[in-house]
C-alpha atoms as a PDB file:
ATOM      1  CA  MET A   1      87.530  62.081 -82.373  1.00  0.00           C
ATOM      2  CA  ALA A   2      90.479  64.270 -83.354  1.00  0.00           C
ATOM      3  CA  LYS A   3      90.531  67.861 -82.226  1.00  0.00           C
ATOM      4  CA  ASN A   4      91.154  70.951 -84.289  1.00  0.00           C
ATOM      5  CA  LEU A   5      94.336  72.997 -83.959  1.00  0.00           C
ATOM      6  CA  ILE A   6      95.421  76.630 -83.985  1.00  0.00           C
ATOM      7  CA  TYR A   7      99.112  76.965 -84.878  1.00  0.00           C
ATOM      8  CA  ILE A   8     101.143  80.139 -84.219  1.00  0.00           C
ATOM      9  CA  ILE A   9     104.783  81.007 -84.868  1.00  0.00           C
ATOM     10  CA  SER A  10     106.081  83.457 -82.260  1.00  0.00           C
ATOM     11  CA  ILE A  11     109.864  83.547 -82.536  1.00  0.00           C
ATOM     12  CA  THR A  12     112.206  86.483 -81.993  1.00  0.00           C
ATOM     13  CA  VAL A  13     115.725  86.309 -83.414  1.00  0.00           C
ATOM     14  CA  ASP A  14     118.664  88.533 -82.514  1.00  0.00           C
ATOM     15  CA  SER A  15     118.489  90.402 -85.824  1.00  0.00           C
ATOM     16  CA  ALA A  16     114.823  91.429 -85.327  1.00  0.00           C
ATOM     17  CA  LYS A  17     114.001  95.137 -85.083  1.00  0.00           C
ATOM     18  CA  ILE A  18     111.726  94.499 -82.095  1.00  0.00           C
ATOM     19  CA  ASP A  19     111.010  91.752 -79.605  1.00  0.00           C
ATOM     20  CA  HIS A  20     107.980  90.073 -81.184  1.00  0.00           C
ATOM     21  CA  ASN A  21     107.002  88.549 -77.861  1.00  0.00           C
ATOM     22  CA  GLU A  22     106.158  92.022 -76.572  1.00  0.00           C
ATOM     23  CA  TYR A  23     103.042  92.178 -78.754  1.00  0.00           C
ATOM     24  CA  SER A  24     102.370  88.503 -79.435  1.00  0.00           C
ATOM     25  CA  LYS A  25     101.774  87.816 -75.750  1.00  0.00           C
ATOM     26  CA  TYR A  26      98.541  89.817 -75.951  1.00  0.00           C
ATOM     27  CA  CYS A  27      97.441  88.224 -79.217  1.00  0.00           C
ATOM     28  CA  ILE A  28      98.156  84.731 -77.900  1.00  0.00           C
ATOM     29  CA  LYS A  29      96.012  85.412 -74.833  1.00  0.00           C
ATOM     30  CA  SER A  30      93.047  86.001 -77.129  1.00  0.00           C
ATOM     31  CA  TRP A  31      93.694  82.723 -78.947  1.00  0.00           C
ATOM     32  CA  GLU A  32      94.114  80.820 -75.676  1.00  0.00           C
ATOM     33  CA  TYR A  33      90.670  81.978 -74.577  1.00  0.00           C
ATOM     34  CA  TRP A  34      89.033  81.243 -77.936  1.00  0.00           C
ATOM     35  CA  CYS A  35      90.601  77.780 -78.157  1.00  0.00           C
ATOM     36  CA  ARG A  36      89.394  76.828 -74.682  1.00  0.00           C
ATOM     37  CA  LYS A  37      85.928  78.084 -75.532  1.00  0.00           C
ATOM     38  CA  ASN A  38      85.808  76.095 -78.784  1.00  0.00           C
ATOM     39  CA  ASN A  39      87.620  72.952 -77.590  1.00  0.00           C
ATOM     40  CA  CYS A  40      90.635  73.453 -79.867  1.00  0.00           C
ATOM     41  CA  ASP A  41      94.285  72.780 -79.199  1.00  0.00           C
ATOM     42  CA  LEU A  42      96.787  75.624 -79.456  1.00  0.00           C
ATOM     43  CA  LYS A  43     100.443  75.194 -80.427  1.00  0.00           C
ATOM     44  CA  VAL A  44     102.765  78.190 -80.177  1.00  0.00           C
ATOM     45  CA  ILE A  45     106.191  77.609 -81.718  1.00  0.00           C
ATOM     46  CA  GLN A  46     108.809  79.727 -79.943  1.00  0.00           C
ATOM     47  CA  LYS A  47     112.043  78.109 -81.118  1.00  0.00           C
ATOM     48  CA  ASN A  48     113.291  78.261 -84.676  1.00  0.00           C
ATOM     49  CA  ASP A  49     113.782  74.919 -86.396  1.00  0.00           C
ATOM     50  CA  GLU A  50     117.389  74.574 -87.519  1.00  0.00           C
ATOM     51  CA  ARG A  51     116.216  73.758 -91.035  1.00  0.00           C
ATOM     52  CA  CYS A  52     114.756  77.263 -91.372  1.00  0.00           C
ATOM     53  CA  GLY A  53     117.074  80.107 -92.298  1.00  0.00           C
ATOM     54  CA  ARG A  54     114.149  82.498 -91.872  1.00  0.00           C
ATOM     55  CA  VAL A  55     111.650  82.176 -89.040  1.00  0.00           C
ATOM     56  CA  VAL A  56     108.617  82.411 -91.322  1.00  0.00           C
ATOM     57  CA  TRP A  57     109.317  78.984 -92.848  1.00  0.00           C
ATOM     58  CA  ASN A  58     108.411  77.342 -89.537  1.00  0.00           C
ATOM     59  CA  LYS A  59     104.825  77.813 -90.736  1.00  0.00           C
ATOM     60  CA  GLU A  60     105.278  75.120 -93.333  1.00  0.00           C
ATOM     61  CA  LEU A  61     106.334  72.638 -90.674  1.00  0.00           C
ATOM     62  CA  ILE A  62     102.660  72.252 -89.897  1.00  0.00           C
ATOM     63  CA  PHE A  63     102.928  69.130 -92.076  1.00  0.00           C
ATOM     64  CA  GLU A  64     104.765  67.618 -89.086  1.00  0.00           C
ATOM     65  CA  ASN A  65     103.167  69.502 -86.199  1.00  0.00           C
ATOM     66  CA  GLY A  66      99.588  69.174 -87.433  1.00  0.00           C
ATOM     67  CA  VAL A  67      99.436  65.394 -87.742  1.00  0.00           C
ATOM     68  CA  GLY A  68      96.474  63.900 -85.871  1.00  0.00           C
ATOM     69  CA  TYR A  69      94.139  66.895 -86.249  1.00  0.00           C
ATOM     70  CA  ASP A  70      91.087  67.087 -88.499  1.00  0.00           C
ATOM     71  CA  LYS A  71      91.167  70.817 -89.209  1.00  0.00           C
ATOM     72  CA  ILE A  72      93.916  73.344 -88.670  1.00  0.00           C
ATOM     73  CA  GLY A  73      94.326  77.083 -88.511  1.00  0.00           C
ATOM     74  CA  ILE A  74      97.659  78.834 -89.041  1.00  0.00           C
ATOM     75  CA  VAL A  75      97.504  82.398 -87.758  1.00  0.00           C
ATOM     76  CA  ASP A  76     100.222  85.007 -87.439  1.00  0.00           C
ATOM     77  CA  ALA A  77     101.393  86.076 -83.994  1.00  0.00           C
ATOM     78  CA  ASP A  78     100.156  89.602 -84.730  1.00  0.00           C
ATOM     79  CA  THR A  79      96.517  88.497 -85.004  1.00  0.00           C
ATOM     80  CA  MET A  80      93.963  88.759 -82.238  1.00  0.00           C
ATOM     81  CA  ILE A  81      90.622  86.937 -82.323  1.00  0.00           C
ATOM     82  CA  LYS A  82      87.466  88.497 -80.935  1.00  0.00           C
ATOM     83  CA  TRP A  83      86.208  86.837 -77.768  1.00  0.00           C
ATOM     84  CA  ASP A  84      82.828  85.903 -79.258  1.00  0.00           C
ATOM     85  CA  ALA A  85      83.951  85.004 -82.780  1.00  0.00           C
ATOM     86  CA  PRO A  86      82.091  81.885 -83.947  1.00  0.00           C
ATOM     87  CA  ASN A  87      83.873  78.589 -84.411  1.00  0.00           C
ATOM     88  CA  VAL A  88      85.379  78.991 -87.871  1.00  0.00           C
ATOM     89  CA  PHE A  89      86.046  75.234 -88.055  1.00  0.00           C
ATOM     90  CA  ASP A  90      82.281  74.739 -88.358  1.00  0.00           C
ATOM     91  CA  MET A  91      82.241  76.899 -91.485  1.00  0.00           C
ATOM     92  CA  PHE A  92      84.027  74.504 -93.831  1.00  0.00           C
ATOM     93  CA  GLU A  93      84.501  70.821 -94.574  1.00  0.00           C
ATOM     94  CA  GLU A  94      87.404  69.557 -96.712  1.00  0.00           C
ATOM     95  CA  ASP A  95      88.419  73.048 -97.823  1.00  0.00           C
ATOM     96  CA  PHE A  96      91.350  75.443 -97.824  1.00  0.00           C
ATOM     97  CA  CYS A  97      90.197  78.816 -96.506  1.00  0.00           C
ATOM     98  CA  MET A  98      91.764  82.278 -96.694  1.00  0.00           C
ATOM     99  CA  VAL A  99      90.804  85.926 -96.999  1.00  0.00           C
ATOM    100  CA  ARG A 100      91.639  87.783-100.203  1.00  0.00           C
ATOM    101  CA  ASP A 101      94.513  90.248 -99.872  1.00  0.00           C
ATOM    102  CA  LEU A 102      93.054  93.416-101.386  1.00  0.00           C
ATOM    103  CA  VAL A 103      95.007  96.037 -99.459  1.00  0.00           C
ATOM    104  CA  ASN A 104      97.780  96.774-101.969  1.00  0.00           C
ATOM    105  CA  TRP A 105      97.328  95.259-105.403  1.00  0.00           C
ATOM    106  CA  ALA A 106     100.512  96.915-106.715  1.00  0.00           C
ATOM    107  CA  TRP A 107     102.503  95.041-104.055  1.00  0.00           C
ATOM    108  CA  VAL A 108     100.733  91.779-104.890  1.00  0.00           C
ATOM    109  CA  TYR A 109     101.262  92.277-108.625  1.00  0.00           C
ATOM    110  CA  ASP A 110     104.993  92.905-108.166  1.00  0.00           C
ATOM    111  CA  SER A 111     105.309  89.934-105.820  1.00  0.00           C
ATOM    112  CA  ILE A 112     103.621  87.599-108.313  1.00  0.00           C
ATOM    113  CA  LYS A 113     105.854  88.944-111.080  1.00  0.00           C
ATOM    114  CA  ASN A 114     109.073  88.491-109.075  1.00  0.00           C
ATOM    115  CA  TYR A 115     108.362  85.045-107.640  1.00  0.00           C
ATOM    116  CA  GLY A 116     106.911  83.887-110.952  1.00  0.00           C
ATOM    117  CA  LYS A 117     110.444  82.986-112.073  1.00  0.00           C
ATOM    118  CA  PHE A 118     110.083  79.806-110.003  1.00  0.00           C
ATOM    119  CA  PHE A 119     106.669  78.896-111.437  1.00  0.00           C
ATOM    120  CA  LYS A 120     106.847  79.135-115.201  1.00  0.00           C
ATOM    121  CA  GLY A 121     103.507  78.304-116.780  1.00  0.00           C
ATOM    122  CA  VAL A 122     101.552  78.506-113.505  1.00  0.00           C
ATOM    123  CA  PRO A 123      98.870  81.212-113.779  1.00  0.00           C
ATOM    124  CA  LEU A 124      98.126  83.078-110.543  1.00  0.00           C
ATOM    125  CA  ASP A 125      95.076  85.324-110.668  1.00  0.00           C
ATOM    126  CA  ILE A 126      95.578  88.434-108.557  1.00  0.00           C
ATOM    127  CA  THR A 127      91.884  88.341-107.624  1.00  0.00           C
ATOM    128  CA  ASN A 128      92.328  84.848-106.145  1.00  0.00           C
ATOM    129  CA  TYR A 129      95.339  85.756-104.045  1.00  0.00           C
ATOM    130  CA  GLY A 130      95.008  85.105-100.315  1.00  0.00           C
ATOM    131  CA  ASN A 131      96.740  86.524 -97.276  1.00  0.00           C
ATOM    132  CA  THR A 132      98.660  83.781 -95.462  1.00  0.00           C
ATOM    133  CA  GLY A 133      98.476  85.477 -92.071  1.00  0.00           C
ATOM    134  CA  VAL A 134      95.222  83.600 -91.449  1.00  0.00           C
ATOM    135  CA  MET A 135      94.570  80.200 -93.032  1.00  0.00           C
ATOM    136  CA  PHE A 136      92.145  77.430 -92.090  1.00  0.00           C
ATOM    137  CA  PHE A 137      92.171  74.070 -93.815  1.00  0.00           C
ATOM    138  CA  HIS A 138      91.395  70.366 -93.659  1.00  0.00           C
ATOM    139  CA  LYS A 139      94.121  67.820 -92.895  1.00  0.00           C
ATOM    140  CA  LEU A 140      94.044  66.774 -96.553  1.00  0.00           C
ATOM    141  CA  TYR A 141      96.250  69.793 -97.268  1.00  0.00           C
ATOM    142  CA  LEU A 142      99.097  68.903 -94.930  1.00  0.00           C
ATOM    143  CA  PRO A 143     101.108  67.357 -97.827  1.00  0.00           C
ATOM    144  CA  LEU A 144     100.856  70.710 -99.615  1.00  0.00           C
ATOM    145  CA  PHE A 145     102.894  72.313 -96.846  1.00  0.00           C
ATOM    146  CA  GLU A 146     105.483  69.566 -97.093  1.00  0.00           C
ATOM    147  CA  GLU A 147     105.727  70.312-100.818  1.00  0.00           C
ATOM    148  CA  ILE A 148     106.235  74.023-100.078  1.00  0.00           C
ATOM    149  CA  PHE A 149     108.847  73.307 -97.420  1.00  0.00           C
ATOM    150  CA  ASN A 150     110.774  71.062 -99.790  1.00  0.00           C
ATOM    151  CA  PHE A 151     110.615  73.859-102.363  1.00  0.00           C
ATOM    152  CA  TYR A 152     112.119  76.170 -99.762  1.00  0.00           C
ATOM    153  CA  LEU A 153     114.932  73.732 -98.955  1.00  0.00           C
ATOM    154  CA  GLU A 154     115.745  73.334-102.662  1.00  0.00           C
ATOM    155  CA  ASN A 155     115.963  77.127-103.055  1.00  0.00           C
ATOM    156  CA  ARG A 156     116.997  78.060 -99.526  1.00  0.00           C
ATOM    157  CA  THR A 157     120.055  80.170-100.340  1.00  0.00           C
ATOM    158  CA  GLU A 158     118.188  82.361-102.806  1.00  0.00           C
ATOM    159  CA  LEU A 159     115.031  82.632-100.703  1.00  0.00           C
ATOM    160  CA  ASP A 160     116.863  83.405 -97.463  1.00  0.00           C
ATOM    161  CA  ASN A 161     118.688  86.226 -99.253  1.00  0.00           C
ATOM    162  CA  TRP A 162     115.709  87.402-101.299  1.00  0.00           C
ATOM    163  CA  ASP A 163     115.992  91.142-101.952  1.00  0.00           C
ATOM    164  CA  LYS A 164     113.379  91.697-104.664  1.00  0.00           C
ATOM    165  CA  GLY A 165     110.536  92.505-102.267  1.00  0.00           C
ATOM    166  CA  GLY A 166     107.122  90.893-102.222  1.00  0.00           C
ATOM    167  CA  GLY A 167     107.323  89.216 -98.840  1.00  0.00           C
ATOM    168  CA  ARG A 168     108.633  85.753 -98.080  1.00  0.00           C
ATOM    169  CA  GLU A 169     106.350  82.719 -98.183  1.00  0.00           C
ATOM    170  CA  GLN A 170     102.957  84.261 -98.984  1.00  0.00           C
ATOM    171  CA  THR A 171     103.205  84.447-102.769  1.00  0.00           C
ATOM    172  CA  ILE A 172     105.034  81.121-102.924  1.00  0.00           C
ATOM    173  CA  LEU A 173     102.156  79.457-101.055  1.00  0.00           C
ATOM    174  CA  ASN A 174      99.646  81.075-103.411  1.00  0.00           C
ATOM    175  CA  PHE A 175     101.587  79.758-106.398  1.00  0.00           C
ATOM    176  CA  HIS A 176     101.561  76.241-104.950  1.00  0.00           C
ATOM    177  CA  LEU A 177      97.806  76.471-104.416  1.00  0.00           C
ATOM    178  CA  ALA A 178      97.401  77.466-108.063  1.00  0.00           C
ATOM    179  CA  LYS A 179      99.842  74.780-109.219  1.00  0.00           C
ATOM    180  CA  ASN A 180      97.792  72.116-107.425  1.00  0.00           C
ATOM    181  CA  ASN A 181      94.465  73.523-108.699  1.00  0.00           C
ATOM    182  CA  VAL A 182      93.210  74.138-105.171  1.00  0.00           C
ATOM    183  CA  ASN A 183      89.789  75.754-105.191  1.00  0.00           C
ATOM    184  CA  ILE A 184      90.250  78.217-102.347  1.00  0.00           C
ATOM    185  CA  LYS A 185      87.262  78.934-100.160  1.00  0.00           C
ATOM    186  CA  PHE A 186      87.511  82.647 -99.511  1.00  0.00           C
ATOM    187  CA  LEU A 187      86.097  83.774 -96.182  1.00  0.00           C
ATOM    188  CA  ASP A 188      84.677  87.258 -95.757  1.00  0.00           C
ATOM    189  CA  GLY A 189      87.105  89.963 -94.710  1.00  0.00           C
ATOM    190  CA  SER A 190      86.043  89.906 -91.069  1.00  0.00           C
ATOM    191  CA  TRP A 191      88.185  86.790 -90.632  1.00  0.00           C
ATOM    192  CA  ASN A 192      91.371  88.706 -91.400  1.00  0.00           C
ATOM    193  CA  ILE A 193      90.990  92.467 -91.039  1.00  0.00           C
ATOM    194  CA  LEU A 194      93.861  93.839 -93.117  1.00  0.00           C
ATOM    195  CA  GLY A 195      95.037  97.421 -93.523  1.00  0.00           C
ATOM    196  CA  MET A 196      93.501  98.397 -90.203  1.00  0.00           C
ATOM    197  CA  PHE A 197      95.351 101.690 -90.016  1.00  0.00           C
ATOM    198  CA  SER A 198      95.217 102.759 -93.666  1.00  0.00           C
ATOM    199  CA  LYS A 199      91.558 101.745 -94.033  1.00  0.00           C
ATOM    200  CA  GLY A 200      90.341 103.472 -90.885  1.00  0.00           C
ATOM    201  CA  TRP A 201      89.538 100.385 -88.838  1.00  0.00           C
ATOM    202  CA  PHE A 202      91.062 102.009 -85.747  1.00  0.00           C
ATOM    203  CA  LYS A 203      88.387 104.713 -85.887  1.00  0.00           C
ATOM    204  CA  SER A 204      84.891 104.759 -84.422  1.00  0.00           C
ATOM    205  CA  ASN A 205      81.570 106.121 -85.693  1.00  0.00           C
ATOM    206  CA  THR A 206      81.402 109.533 -84.072  1.00  0.00           C
ATOM    207  CA  GLN A 207      78.175 110.335 -85.949  1.00  0.00           C
ATOM    208  CA  LEU A 208      76.467 107.626 -83.915  1.00  0.00           C
ATOM    209  CA  HIS A 209      78.245 108.870 -80.784  1.00  0.00           C
ATOM    210  CA  SER A 210      79.958 105.513 -80.502  1.00  0.00           C
ATOM    211  CA  ASP A 211      83.486 104.996 -79.216  1.00  0.00           C
ATOM    212  CA  GLU A 212      83.610 101.336 -80.324  1.00  0.00           C
ATOM    213  CA  LEU A 213      86.348 100.879 -82.908  1.00  0.00           C
ATOM    214  CA  HIS A 214      85.177  99.624 -86.316  1.00  0.00           C
ATOM    215  CA  MET A 215      87.613  96.705 -86.115  1.00  0.00           C
ATOM    216  CA  ILE A 216      86.091  95.529 -82.839  1.00  0.00           C
ATOM    217  CA  LYS A 217      82.523  96.000 -84.000  1.00  0.00           C
ATOM    218  CA  TYR A 218      82.835  94.308 -87.391  1.00  0.00           C
ATOM    219  CA  GLY A 219      85.889  92.049 -87.228  1.00  0.00           C
ATOM    220  CA  ASN A 220      86.444  88.485 -86.044  1.00  0.00           C
ATOM    221  CA  ILE A 221      90.243  88.467 -86.430  1.00  0.00           C
ATOM    222  CA  TRP A 222      92.257  91.676 -86.204  1.00  0.00           C
ATOM    223  CA  HIS A 223      95.578  91.620 -88.070  1.00  0.00           C
ATOM    224  CA  PHE A 224      98.047  94.188 -86.766  1.00  0.00           C
ATOM    225  CA  THR A 225     100.071  94.734 -89.918  1.00  0.00           C
ATOM    226  CA  GLY A 226     100.401  97.354 -92.629  1.00  0.00           C
ATOM    227  CA  PHE A 227     102.077 100.020 -90.469  1.00  0.00           C
ATOM    228  CA  ASP A 228     105.568 100.555 -89.080  1.00  0.00           C
ATOM    229  CA  ILE A 229     106.603  97.569 -86.990  1.00  0.00           C
ATOM    230  CA  GLU A 230     108.034  99.777 -84.244  1.00  0.00           C
ATOM    231  CA  SER A 231     104.511 100.874 -83.250  1.00  0.00           C
ATOM    232  CA  ARG A 232     102.993  97.380 -83.334  1.00  0.00           C
ATOM    233  CA  THR A 233     103.362  96.629 -79.633  1.00  0.00           C
ATOM    234  CA  GLU A 234     101.805  99.962 -78.693  1.00  0.00           C
ATOM    235  CA  ARG A 235      98.794  99.413 -80.980  1.00  0.00           C
ATOM    236  CA  VAL A 236      98.265  95.802 -79.918  1.00  0.00           C
ATOM    237  CA  LYS A 237      98.453  96.679 -76.222  1.00  0.00           C
ATOM    238  CA  HIS A 238      96.040  99.586 -76.727  1.00  0.00           C
ATOM    239  CA  VAL A 239      93.423  97.285 -78.248  1.00  0.00           C
ATOM    240  CA  TRP A 240      94.039  94.582 -75.654  1.00  0.00           C
ATOM    241  CA  ASP A 241      93.495  97.064 -72.830  1.00  0.00           C
ATOM    242  CA  LEU A 242      90.158  97.992 -74.422  1.00  0.00           C
ATOM    243  CA  VAL A 243      88.870  94.423 -74.751  1.00  0.00           C
ATOM    244  CA  LYS A 244      90.743  92.230 -72.241  1.00  0.00           C
ATOM    245  CA  HIS A 245      87.845  92.182 -69.783  1.00  0.00           C
ATOM    246  CA  ASN A 246      85.887  90.127 -72.341  1.00  0.00           C
ATOM    247  CA  TYR A 247      88.401  87.269 -72.154  1.00  0.00           C
ATOM    248  CA  ASN A 248      87.823  86.435 -68.499  1.00  0.00           C
ATOM    249  CA  GLU A 249      86.626  82.909 -67.819  1.00  0.00           C
END
């Protein structure tokens, strides 16, 4: 029986503002523990494929790296999974699963508008827009990632030099889901806690005299994004130091 897979891109290039390995090493430790506990394989890609002008497009190469697995999760290297999070692969069958991106609808709206030039006639509902930092799906969707990667190769020069804002591959993936009439199974927000700083997830409930951070108490996957990248390592390490004792075998 084929195993399930967690797939992470953790690549630092010379032009990066920070060394991404400085924070991802803590996040990956959490995934290593969770994968062992739930009998999943873990693949961490640390070398950029020469076909990719931007590191992020290595995600789409899951259509090659995910062959032989029943269910797959692609998670960003700035995500940490809680030690006792349930096995998310038991929560879906032949589905494509994401968490809605509700943090900044103005950003999402502008991104849909800008990237829409490539997808004339493809409606993309802002309320059905998912964050691609955490995705779980059945192997049936591997060809979708090949389609997206081929789209990237056909438009590589423009996409590698994209200066209109709205991220890189996230909106493009959402457009391809809409184009292929994929009925996304949206997981509850605990599976991708977004806006942790702006939404107060780093705080605790002082009224209950508790020092447990909201993100730790209520979240399954903590996504360290939405604040200046220079402070990411500090924030990730702070959380890891709080919880690392829970990841001992």
